[in-house]
Amino acid sequence: MHQVVIAGAGPVGLWLAAELRLHGTEVTVLEERTAPDPHSRATSLHPRTLEMLDSRGVAAPFLAEGVRIPGGHFAALPARLDYSRLDTPHRLTLALPQARTEELLADHARAAGADLRRGHRVTGLTQDDEAVTVHVDGPDGPHRLRTAYLVGCDGTRSAVRQAAGIDFPGTPATFWAWMGDVVLDNPPRTPALTNEHGSLMVFPLPGGIHRVVGNDTATNRTRPDGPPTFEQLRTKVRHIAGTDYGMRDPGWLSTFGNSARQAAHYRLGRVLLAGDAAHTHFPAGGPGLNVGLQDAFNLGWKLARVLHGTAPDTLLDSYHAERHPVGTDLLRSTRAQSGLMTDHSRETLALRDLLAELIDGVPDFCDDLAARSAGLAVRYPATDPDAHPLTGTRTPDLHPAGTTLFTLLRPGHPVLLDLTGSTRLNHLARPGLTLHSAPLTRPHPGWDTATAALVRPDGHLAWRTDATDGLGDAAAAALAA
C-alpha cells in the first residue's frame, strides 16, 4: 500500500511531494498531462514563498532565473508597496513563469525520490477507516491504488474534491480580463495604469518578454468566447494607454474571470486538498500559486509525522484549522482588489486615488498591506491562551551566531533555539530536532528579549519565552506539546 498519493504535478503537488520525501515518506504523484503545460497563468513568487524555498536550500536557481521586481502592488494602484522595511532577506517579487517554476520543482521532487507518473488521471475514489482506494486511468488502462492518504492538488476542477464529495461554494464569474505575453519595443516606465477606459498592468518576464494584463470597460462584463486575437489585444491596450508600447511577437494570449470559491473542508477523512483544488479567485496581485505552495508547506511535515507515528492523526485537523482561514482571507483580498481594478466609475477612481495617497503617506498602512501582499502576515491560532503573543506567526530569518534560522530549517525538523547561548537545553537534543544554542547577532523587530524559541518545520513559531528561570522545563514542556 502507498503512503501518500498526490493528484496533480503542478507546483503545489510537486512541492508537497518534495516535503514528504524530506522525511522519508513514500509518495506517488499522478498527473493527467503527459507533458508539462508550456503556458504560465501564474508568474509571481512572493517573499514568503522565497523564504520557504530558502528554508529548504533550493532558492538559488529561482533567484538566478527570475526577474526581480522591487516591492509589490495592491489592486494595481499607482503607489507601489514598499518591501524594503520588511524583516526578510527577500524584499522583492520574483517574476518567473509558472512553467519554469514547475520544471524546477519537478527536478527538486525527483531528486528527493518522488515517483512522478504522467498520463495518469484520477477518475474516482473510495475511502474507509484504513485507506483510500484511488481509481486511475493510465497508459495501460484503468487500475486502482491503495494509499493511506490522498491529496488533491489537481486544480480548480479537482477530480479528487468532486469524488470525495467536498463542497466548493462561492460565486461565479461576473467580469473578465485578458492577458498576453508579448515583446514591447517601448515598455512603460510605470507598471500600472487605470482610467475611465480600463486598467492595465505591464511587467517583465525572463527572456525579454512582457506580460500585459488588463480589462476594459467595453468588454469586461461580457463573457468571452475565446482568447483575444493579437490585434484585439493591441486595440484594447491602445484604448486604455493611448499606445501599444511597440507590441509585437505575441506568445500566449488568454482570458480569465473573477470566479471565487473555497472548499468547505480541506480535510475529509483520509482525503486532503491543497492549492487551487481548495481555493480559486481573481488573480489580483498573483497570490494563488504562493498560497498553494504555503498550503503544502503547512501540510507536508504534519502528514509525514502522522505516517511515521510521531504524531496522532488528529494533527491533520490543524491543517484545515490553520489554512482554511488563510484561504478565506485570500478570497476577501482578491475580491476587494478586483472591485478596485474593474469598476472604472468616477467614484471608484476617486477611491483608488485616496488609497494610493494612504500607501504613499501613511507608513504603517503601507507596511501592513506590504506584509499581507508578501505573504508574511499569516498567523495561526495559538491553542494556549497563555502563549507568547507571537505564537503562530511566521518567524523571520533569525541570525543566531554561526548560522541563520532558514539554514537550520533545511532538514525539515523543528528547531529549538537557546538564545542565551548556554548549554541548559542540550539534554533535550534528539533525532528529528535541530538544537542550536547561540545569541542573536542581528536585531529583529520583537526578538530582542527572547531567550528561547521552538520553530515549526514550516517556519511558524510554536513556542517562545523571554524568561531565564526554568528554561529547561519550559522548553521540555513545549516539545512535549
Protein backbone atom coordinates (compact mmCIF):
# COMPACT_ATOMS: atom_id res chain seq x y z
CA MET A 1 0.00 0.00 0.00
CA HIS A 2 1.20 3.51 -0.79
CA GLN A 3 1.78 6.00 1.99
CA VAL A 4 0.69 9.13 0.09
CA VAL A 5 -0.72 9.60 -3.40
CA ILE A 6 -0.86 13.17 -4.74
CA ALA A 7 -3.13 14.01 -7.64
CA GLY A 8 -1.60 16.82 -9.69
CA ALA A 9 2.00 17.57 -10.69
CA GLY A 10 1.67 21.31 -10.73
CA PRO A 11 3.88 23.40 -8.42
CA VAL A 12 1.77 22.64 -5.32
CA GLY A 13 1.76 18.87 -5.78
CA LEU A 14 5.47 18.81 -6.58
CA TRP A 15 6.40 20.95 -3.57
CA LEU A 16 4.30 18.73 -1.29
CA ALA A 17 5.95 15.63 -2.73
CA ALA A 18 9.41 17.02 -2.01
CA GLU A 19 8.37 17.99 1.53
CA LEU A 20 7.14 14.46 2.20
CA ARG A 21 10.28 12.91 0.78
CA LEU A 22 12.35 15.12 3.06
CA HIS A 23 11.00 12.98 5.89
CA GLY A 24 11.43 9.66 4.08
CA THR A 25 7.74 9.34 3.25
CA GLU A 26 6.91 7.26 0.17
CA VAL A 27 4.94 9.41 -2.27
CA THR A 28 3.46 8.87 -5.74
CA VAL A 29 2.36 11.83 -7.88
CA LEU A 30 -0.30 11.20 -10.53
CA GLU A 31 -0.58 13.74 -13.36
CA GLU A 32 -3.13 13.63 -16.16
CA ARG A 33 -0.95 15.68 -18.53
CA THR A 34 1.61 13.67 -20.47
CA ALA A 35 3.93 16.71 -20.63
CA PRO A 36 4.26 19.93 -18.63
CA ASP A 37 1.97 22.80 -19.63
CA PRO A 38 4.08 25.36 -21.57
CA HIS A 39 1.72 28.20 -20.64
CA SER A 40 2.06 30.14 -17.40
CA ARG A 41 -1.00 31.66 -15.81
CA ALA A 42 0.99 32.42 -12.63
CA THR A 43 4.20 34.43 -12.89
CA SER A 44 4.99 35.79 -9.42
CA LEU A 45 6.85 34.34 -6.45
CA HIS A 46 6.32 36.42 -3.32
CA PRO A 47 8.74 36.98 -0.41
CA ARG A 48 7.22 34.28 1.81
CA THR A 49 7.49 31.73 -0.99
CA LEU A 50 11.14 32.67 -1.49
CA GLU A 51 11.64 32.23 2.26
CA MET A 52 10.17 28.73 2.02
CA LEU A 53 12.48 27.81 -0.83
CA ASP A 54 15.37 29.29 1.14
CA SER A 55 14.36 27.21 4.18
CA ARG A 56 14.93 24.07 2.11
CA GLY A 57 18.10 25.27 0.39
CA VAL A 58 16.61 25.44 -3.11
CA ALA A 59 16.02 29.17 -3.66
CA ALA A 60 19.17 29.82 -5.72
CA PRO A 61 18.01 28.59 -9.17
CA PHE A 62 14.74 30.50 -8.87
CA LEU A 63 16.53 33.71 -7.92
CA ALA A 64 19.09 33.20 -10.69
CA GLU A 65 16.45 32.98 -13.43
CA GLY A 66 13.64 35.26 -12.27
CA VAL A 67 13.27 38.98 -12.87
CA ARG A 68 13.48 40.86 -9.57
CA ILE A 69 10.75 43.44 -9.10
CA PRO A 70 11.14 45.67 -6.04
CA GLY A 71 8.04 45.68 -3.89
CA GLY A 72 4.55 44.67 -4.86
CA HIS A 73 1.16 46.16 -5.61
CA PHE A 74 -2.39 46.25 -4.27
CA ALA A 75 -5.16 46.45 -6.89
CA ALA A 76 -2.67 47.84 -9.43
CA LEU A 77 -2.66 51.18 -7.61
CA PRO A 78 -0.04 53.65 -8.82
CA ALA A 79 1.53 53.73 -5.36
CA ARG A 80 3.73 50.63 -5.03
CA LEU A 81 4.01 48.61 -1.85
CA ASP A 82 7.41 49.08 -0.25
CA TYR A 83 9.05 45.80 0.77
CA SER A 84 12.30 47.46 1.90
CA ARG A 85 11.19 47.69 5.53
CA LEU A 86 10.05 44.04 5.82
CA ASP A 87 12.12 41.74 8.02
CA THR A 88 13.03 39.25 5.31
CA PRO A 89 16.09 38.61 3.16
CA HIS A 90 13.80 38.55 0.11
CA ARG A 91 12.37 42.07 -0.26
CA LEU A 92 11.12 41.57 -3.80
CA THR A 93 8.61 39.98 -6.12
CA LEU A 94 10.25 37.44 -8.40
CA ALA A 95 8.74 37.28 -11.90
CA LEU A 96 9.18 33.71 -13.14
CA PRO A 97 6.76 31.88 -15.45
CA GLN A 98 4.86 29.06 -13.78
CA ALA A 99 6.10 26.62 -16.41
CA ARG A 100 9.69 27.20 -15.28
CA THR A 101 8.73 27.13 -11.60
CA GLU A 102 7.10 23.77 -12.26
CA GLU A 103 10.21 22.45 -14.01
CA LEU A 104 12.46 23.46 -11.12
CA LEU A 105 10.11 21.93 -8.55
CA ALA A 106 9.83 18.73 -10.58
CA ASP A 107 13.62 18.44 -10.54
CA HIS A 108 13.56 19.02 -6.79
CA ALA A 109 10.84 16.40 -6.19
CA ARG A 110 12.50 13.78 -8.38
CA ALA A 111 15.88 14.39 -6.75
CA ALA A 112 14.19 13.82 -3.39
CA GLY A 113 12.85 10.46 -4.63
CA ALA A 114 9.23 11.20 -5.54
CA ASP A 115 7.57 8.84 -8.05
CA LEU A 116 6.07 11.08 -10.76
CA ARG A 117 3.68 9.31 -13.14
CA ARG A 118 2.42 11.27 -16.14
CA GLY A 119 -0.61 10.29 -18.18
CA HIS A 120 -2.45 9.05 -15.08
CA ARG A 121 -5.90 10.53 -14.47
CA VAL A 122 -7.80 10.13 -11.20
CA THR A 123 -11.36 9.07 -12.05
CA GLY A 124 -12.77 8.34 -8.60
CA LEU A 125 -12.10 7.18 -5.08
CA THR A 126 -13.50 5.33 -2.12
CA GLN A 127 -12.20 5.55 1.41
CA ASP A 128 -12.56 3.64 4.64
CA ASP A 129 -11.03 3.85 8.10
CA GLU A 130 -7.75 2.30 6.91
CA ALA A 131 -7.00 3.78 3.49
CA VAL A 132 -8.19 5.37 0.24
CA THR A 133 -8.69 3.41 -2.95
CA VAL A 134 -7.86 5.67 -5.89
CA HIS A 135 -9.39 4.87 -9.27
CA VAL A 136 -6.90 5.73 -12.02
CA ASP A 137 -6.98 5.69 -15.81
CA GLY A 138 -3.39 5.32 -17.01
CA PRO A 139 -1.44 4.46 -20.16
CA ASP A 140 -2.06 0.75 -19.52
CA GLY A 141 -5.75 1.22 -18.78
CA PRO A 142 -7.85 1.60 -15.63
CA HIS A 143 -6.38 0.43 -12.34
CA ARG A 144 -6.58 1.15 -8.64
CA LEU A 145 -4.09 2.28 -6.00
CA ARG A 146 -4.46 1.80 -2.28
CA THR A 147 -2.97 4.61 -0.19
CA ALA A 148 -3.00 5.75 3.41
CA TYR A 149 -3.74 9.35 2.34
CA LEU A 150 -4.74 11.04 -0.90
CA VAL A 151 -4.04 14.74 -1.51
CA GLY A 152 -5.83 16.61 -4.28
CA CYS A 153 -3.53 19.21 -5.83
CA ASP A 154 -5.36 18.90 -9.14
CA GLY A 155 -6.68 22.41 -9.69
CA THR A 156 -9.99 24.21 -9.66
CA ARG A 157 -11.84 21.33 -11.35
CA SER A 158 -10.29 18.87 -8.89
CA ALA A 159 -11.40 15.30 -9.56
CA VAL A 160 -10.33 14.43 -6.02
CA ARG A 161 -12.51 17.11 -4.46
CA GLN A 162 -15.51 16.09 -6.54
CA ALA A 163 -15.06 12.36 -5.94
CA ALA A 164 -14.69 12.94 -2.20
CA GLY A 165 -17.94 14.92 -2.17
CA ILE A 166 -16.37 18.09 -0.78
CA ASP A 167 -18.46 21.20 -1.48
CA PHE A 168 -16.87 24.12 -3.32
CA PRO A 169 -19.14 27.06 -2.52
CA GLY A 170 -18.59 30.57 -3.81
CA THR A 171 -19.55 32.91 -6.62
CA PRO A 172 -19.38 32.54 -10.41
CA ALA A 173 -17.52 34.94 -12.67
CA THR A 174 -19.26 38.26 -13.30
CA PHE A 175 -16.46 40.02 -15.19
CA TRP A 176 -13.46 39.02 -17.28
CA ALA A 177 -9.97 40.26 -18.01
CA TRP A 178 -7.38 39.46 -20.66
CA MET A 179 -3.64 38.92 -20.83
CA GLY A 180 -0.87 38.38 -23.32
CA ASP A 181 2.85 37.59 -23.37
CA VAL A 182 4.46 39.90 -25.93
CA VAL A 183 7.63 41.76 -26.85
CA LEU A 184 7.45 45.51 -26.20
CA ASP A 185 9.82 47.85 -28.01
CA ASN A 186 8.85 50.76 -25.73
CA PRO A 187 7.67 49.36 -22.38
CA PRO A 188 6.04 51.82 -19.95
CA ARG A 189 8.03 53.39 -17.16
CA THR A 190 5.32 52.64 -14.62
CA PRO A 191 3.76 49.15 -14.43
CA ALA A 192 0.12 50.12 -13.79
CA LEU A 193 -2.44 52.41 -15.37
CA THR A 194 -6.14 52.83 -14.58
CA ASN A 195 -8.55 55.36 -16.08
CA GLU A 196 -12.12 55.60 -17.29
CA HIS A 197 -11.30 53.26 -20.20
CA GLY A 198 -9.97 50.38 -18.10
CA SER A 199 -6.99 49.02 -16.18
CA LEU A 200 -3.64 47.85 -17.43
CA MET A 201 -0.58 46.23 -15.85
CA VAL A 202 2.70 45.55 -17.64
CA PHE A 203 5.61 43.70 -16.10
CA PRO A 204 8.76 41.98 -17.37
CA LEU A 205 9.37 38.24 -17.60
CA PRO A 206 12.64 36.44 -18.34
CA GLY A 207 13.74 36.33 -21.97
CA GLY A 208 12.80 39.87 -22.93
CA ILE A 209 9.06 39.18 -22.72
CA HIS A 210 6.47 41.37 -21.04
CA ARG A 211 3.13 40.24 -19.69
CA VAL A 212 0.29 42.65 -20.40
CA VAL A 213 -2.80 42.18 -18.21
CA GLY A 214 -5.92 44.30 -18.23
CA ASN A 215 -9.63 44.78 -18.59
CA ASP A 216 -11.59 47.41 -20.49
CA THR A 217 -14.95 48.97 -19.82
CA ALA A 218 -16.29 47.93 -23.23
CA THR A 219 -15.92 44.17 -22.71
CA ASN A 220 -15.19 43.30 -19.07
CA ARG A 221 -18.82 42.41 -18.30
CA THR A 222 -19.22 40.15 -21.35
CA ARG A 223 -18.16 36.51 -21.17
CA PRO A 224 -15.51 35.99 -23.86
CA ASP A 225 -15.91 33.19 -26.39
CA GLY A 226 -12.17 32.60 -26.51
CA PRO A 227 -8.80 34.31 -26.07
CA PRO A 228 -8.28 37.70 -27.74
CA THR A 229 -6.50 37.88 -31.05
CA PHE A 230 -3.26 39.82 -31.14
CA GLU A 231 -4.95 42.72 -32.95
CA GLN A 232 -7.75 42.76 -30.37
CA LEU A 233 -5.17 42.89 -27.59
CA ARG A 234 -3.34 45.79 -29.28
CA THR A 235 -6.60 47.68 -29.76
CA LYS A 236 -7.59 47.26 -26.10
CA VAL A 237 -4.18 48.39 -24.86
CA ARG A 238 -4.21 51.43 -27.14
CA HIS A 239 -7.69 52.39 -25.97
CA ILE A 240 -6.54 52.42 -22.32
CA ALA A 241 -2.96 53.67 -22.63
CA GLY A 242 -3.01 55.63 -25.90
CA THR A 243 -0.18 53.43 -27.19
CA ASP A 244 0.58 49.76 -27.70
CA TYR A 245 4.17 50.19 -26.42
CA GLY A 246 5.57 48.77 -29.68
CA MET A 247 3.84 45.44 -29.10
CA ARG A 248 4.92 42.52 -31.31
CA ASP A 249 5.71 38.81 -31.42
CA PRO A 250 2.77 37.54 -29.36
CA GLY A 251 3.05 34.38 -27.33
CA TRP A 252 0.28 33.07 -25.13
CA LEU A 253 -2.98 35.07 -25.13
CA SER A 254 -5.75 34.25 -22.67
CA THR A 255 -8.76 35.47 -20.66
CA PHE A 256 -9.85 34.85 -17.07
CA GLY A 257 -12.74 35.75 -14.78
CA ASN A 258 -13.41 36.54 -11.15
CA SER A 259 -15.00 33.27 -10.03
CA ALA A 260 -14.23 32.86 -6.31
CA ARG A 261 -14.74 29.58 -4.46
CA GLN A 262 -13.31 27.76 -1.45
CA ALA A 263 -13.57 24.13 -0.40
CA ALA A 264 -15.79 23.58 2.62
CA HIS A 265 -13.25 21.12 4.02
CA TYR A 266 -9.52 20.94 3.40
CA ARG A 267 -9.62 17.52 5.04
CA LEU A 268 -12.32 14.85 4.81
CA GLY A 269 -11.15 11.62 6.39
CA ARG A 270 -8.06 10.48 4.53
CA VAL A 271 -8.54 12.93 1.65
CA LEU A 272 -6.95 16.38 1.75
CA LEU A 273 -6.90 19.35 -0.64
CA ALA A 274 -4.27 22.00 -1.38
CA GLY A 275 -3.78 24.83 -3.82
CA ASP A 276 -6.38 25.60 -6.48
CA ALA A 277 -8.30 22.45 -5.54
CA ALA A 278 -9.04 24.22 -2.24
CA HIS A 279 -9.45 27.83 -3.42
CA THR A 280 -9.90 29.77 -6.65
CA HIS A 281 -10.15 33.54 -7.15
CA PHE A 282 -9.39 36.52 -9.36
CA PRO A 283 -5.57 36.65 -9.63
CA ALA A 284 -5.18 40.20 -8.28
CA GLY A 285 -1.57 40.51 -7.14
CA GLY A 286 -0.79 36.93 -8.16
CA PRO A 287 -1.19 35.28 -4.72
CA GLY A 288 -2.79 31.97 -5.79
CA LEU A 289 0.33 29.94 -6.58
CA ASN A 290 2.04 31.31 -3.48
CA VAL A 291 -0.82 30.47 -1.12
CA GLY A 292 -1.00 26.99 -2.65
CA LEU A 293 2.70 26.37 -2.02
CA GLN A 294 2.20 27.58 1.54
CA ASP A 295 -0.68 25.10 1.93
CA ALA A 296 1.75 22.33 1.02
CA PHE A 297 4.41 23.70 3.37
CA ASN A 298 1.91 23.50 6.24
CA LEU A 299 0.66 20.03 5.33
CA GLY A 300 3.88 18.20 4.44
CA TRP A 301 5.50 17.88 7.83
CA LYS A 302 2.21 17.12 9.55
CA LEU A 303 1.34 14.31 7.16
CA ALA A 304 4.85 12.87 7.49
CA ARG A 305 4.71 12.90 11.29
CA VAL A 306 1.35 11.14 11.32
CA LEU A 307 2.54 8.47 8.89
CA HIS A 308 5.72 7.84 10.87
CA GLY A 309 3.82 7.54 14.14
CA THR A 310 5.34 10.58 15.88
CA ALA A 311 2.01 12.45 15.98
CA PRO A 312 -1.64 11.41 16.21
CA ASP A 313 -3.92 11.53 13.19
CA THR A 314 -5.70 14.50 14.79
CA LEU A 315 -2.69 16.66 13.90
CA LEU A 316 -4.08 16.71 10.36
CA ASP A 317 -7.18 18.50 11.62
CA SER A 318 -4.96 21.51 12.29
CA TYR A 319 -4.28 21.73 8.55
CA HIS A 320 -7.86 22.82 7.89
CA ALA A 321 -7.98 24.89 11.09
CA GLU A 322 -4.89 26.86 10.05
CA ARG A 323 -5.14 27.07 6.28
CA HIS A 324 -8.89 27.47 5.68
CA PRO A 325 -8.89 30.97 7.30
CA VAL A 326 -5.94 31.88 5.08
CA GLY A 327 -7.98 30.87 2.04
CA THR A 328 -10.95 32.88 3.29
CA ASP A 329 -8.74 35.96 3.65
CA LEU A 330 -7.31 35.30 0.18
CA LEU A 331 -10.80 35.47 -1.35
CA ARG A 332 -11.64 38.60 0.61
CA SER A 333 -8.47 40.37 -0.52
CA THR A 334 -8.76 39.41 -4.18
CA ARG A 335 -12.45 40.35 -4.27
CA ALA A 336 -11.61 43.77 -2.83
CA GLN A 337 -8.83 44.29 -5.34
CA SER A 338 -10.86 43.08 -8.28
CA GLY A 339 -13.56 45.62 -7.46
CA LEU A 340 -10.97 48.39 -7.49
CA MET A 341 -9.48 47.10 -10.74
CA THR A 342 -12.63 46.54 -12.79
CA ASP A 343 -15.03 49.30 -11.75
CA HIS A 344 -13.93 52.41 -13.63
CA SER A 345 -16.59 54.78 -12.35
CA ARG A 346 -15.58 58.22 -11.07
CA GLU A 347 -16.33 57.10 -7.52
CA THR A 348 -14.02 54.08 -7.69
CA LEU A 349 -11.29 56.07 -9.40
CA ALA A 350 -11.52 58.57 -6.53
CA LEU A 351 -11.26 55.71 -4.02
CA ARG A 352 -8.16 54.44 -5.82
CA ASP A 353 -6.58 57.90 -5.57
CA LEU A 354 -7.31 58.03 -1.85
CA LEU A 355 -5.85 54.57 -1.19
CA ALA A 356 -2.75 55.47 -3.20
CA GLU A 357 -2.28 58.57 -1.03
CA LEU A 358 -2.55 56.43 2.11
CA ILE A 359 0.03 53.97 0.82
CA ASP A 360 2.44 56.78 -0.01
CA GLY A 361 1.74 58.88 3.07
CA VAL A 362 0.99 56.50 5.98
CA PRO A 363 3.93 54.13 6.60
CA ASP A 364 2.03 51.83 8.98
CA PHE A 365 -0.76 51.41 6.43
CA CYS A 366 1.73 50.67 3.68
CA ASP A 367 3.71 48.24 5.85
CA ASP A 368 0.59 46.30 6.78
CA LEU A 369 -0.51 45.96 3.16
CA ALA A 370 3.05 45.08 2.14
CA ALA A 371 3.30 42.29 4.73
CA ARG A 372 -0.05 40.89 3.59
CA SER A 373 0.90 41.05 -0.08
CA ALA A 374 4.27 39.45 0.64
CA GLY A 375 2.67 36.52 2.48
CA LEU A 376 4.44 37.40 5.74
CA ALA A 377 1.38 38.32 7.80
CA VAL A 378 -0.13 34.84 8.18
CA ARG A 379 -0.72 33.93 11.80
CA TYR A 380 -2.01 30.57 13.01
CA PRO A 381 -4.16 30.48 16.15
CA ALA A 382 -2.46 29.55 19.41
CA THR A 383 -4.19 26.82 21.41
CA ASP A 384 -2.69 28.00 24.72
CA PRO A 385 -4.26 31.25 25.99
CA ASP A 386 -1.05 32.00 27.91
CA ALA A 387 1.18 31.57 24.86
CA HIS A 388 3.63 34.25 23.81
CA PRO A 389 1.93 36.96 21.69
CA LEU A 390 3.99 35.98 18.63
CA THR A 391 2.99 32.30 18.77
CA GLY A 392 1.67 31.16 15.41
CA THR A 393 3.36 33.93 13.42
CA ARG A 394 5.91 33.25 10.73
CA THR A 395 9.39 33.51 12.26
CA PRO A 396 11.84 35.82 10.46
CA ASP A 397 15.26 34.60 9.38
CA LEU A 398 16.86 34.96 12.80
CA HIS A 399 20.63 35.13 12.95
CA PRO A 400 21.95 33.23 15.96
CA ALA A 401 25.74 33.15 15.96
CA GLY A 402 27.18 30.89 13.31
CA THR A 403 24.08 30.33 11.20
CA THR A 404 20.59 31.52 10.26
CA LEU A 405 17.17 30.11 11.07
CA PHE A 406 16.46 29.29 7.42
CA THR A 407 19.68 27.26 7.29
CA LEU A 408 18.68 25.39 10.46
CA LEU A 409 15.26 24.59 8.95
CA ARG A 410 16.68 22.87 5.86
CA PRO A 411 16.46 19.28 7.23
CA GLY A 412 12.74 19.88 7.78
CA HIS A 413 12.86 19.37 11.55
CA PRO A 414 11.53 21.66 14.26
CA VAL A 415 14.25 24.00 15.53
CA LEU A 416 14.84 24.64 19.22
CA LEU A 417 16.83 27.83 19.81
CA ASP A 418 18.57 28.63 23.07
CA LEU A 419 19.23 32.31 22.51
CA THR A 420 21.09 32.69 25.83
CA GLY A 421 23.99 30.74 24.32
CA SER A 422 24.12 28.37 27.30
CA THR A 423 24.10 24.57 27.45
CA ARG A 424 20.90 24.36 29.51
CA LEU A 425 18.87 22.82 26.69
CA ASN A 426 21.46 20.33 25.45
CA HIS A 427 19.77 17.46 27.30
CA LEU A 428 16.75 17.92 25.03
CA ALA A 429 18.70 17.01 21.89
CA ARG A 430 17.11 14.11 19.99
CA PRO A 431 16.72 12.75 16.45
CA GLY A 432 14.26 14.78 14.43
CA LEU A 433 15.01 18.00 16.33
CA THR A 434 17.55 20.67 15.41
CA LEU A 435 19.00 22.29 18.56
CA HIS A 436 21.13 25.42 18.33
CA SER A 437 22.48 27.42 21.25
CA ALA A 438 23.76 30.91 20.48
CA PRO A 439 22.68 34.53 20.98
CA LEU A 440 21.31 36.59 18.13
CA THR A 441 23.94 38.58 16.25
CA ARG A 442 21.49 40.75 14.32
CA PRO A 443 18.46 42.67 15.59
CA HIS A 444 14.97 41.56 14.53
CA PRO A 445 11.83 43.50 15.47
CA GLY A 446 10.21 41.97 18.53
CA TRP A 447 13.01 39.47 19.23
CA ASP A 448 15.42 41.48 21.38
CA THR A 449 14.15 39.96 24.67
CA ALA A 450 13.73 36.33 23.57
CA THR A 451 15.68 33.68 25.47
CA ALA A 452 14.42 30.51 23.77
CA ALA A 453 12.06 29.53 20.96
CA LEU A 454 10.71 26.47 19.23
CA VAL A 455 10.09 26.93 15.50
CA ARG A 456 7.95 24.50 13.50
CA PRO A 457 9.31 22.86 10.31
CA ASP A 458 7.23 25.34 8.27
CA GLY A 459 8.86 28.31 9.99
CA HIS A 460 5.96 29.33 12.24
CA LEU A 461 6.58 29.93 15.93
CA ALA A 462 5.37 27.10 18.17
CA TRP A 463 6.68 28.43 21.48
CA ARG A 464 8.79 31.23 22.86
CA THR A 465 9.86 32.54 26.23
CA ASP A 466 11.59 35.72 27.35
CA ALA A 467 12.36 34.29 30.80
CA THR A 468 15.57 32.67 32.02
CA ASP A 469 14.33 30.84 35.10
CA GLY A 470 13.08 27.32 34.45
CA LEU A 471 14.19 27.48 30.83
CA GLY A 472 14.84 23.74 30.53
CA ASP A 473 11.50 22.70 31.99
CA ALA A 474 9.61 25.19 29.83
CA ALA A 475 11.36 24.01 26.65
CA ALA A 476 10.72 20.36 27.53
CA ALA A 477 7.03 21.11 28.04
CA ALA A 478 6.91 22.89 24.68
CA LEU A 479 8.46 19.89 22.93
CA ALA A 480 6.02 17.53 24.61
CA ALA A 481 3.08 19.61 23.38
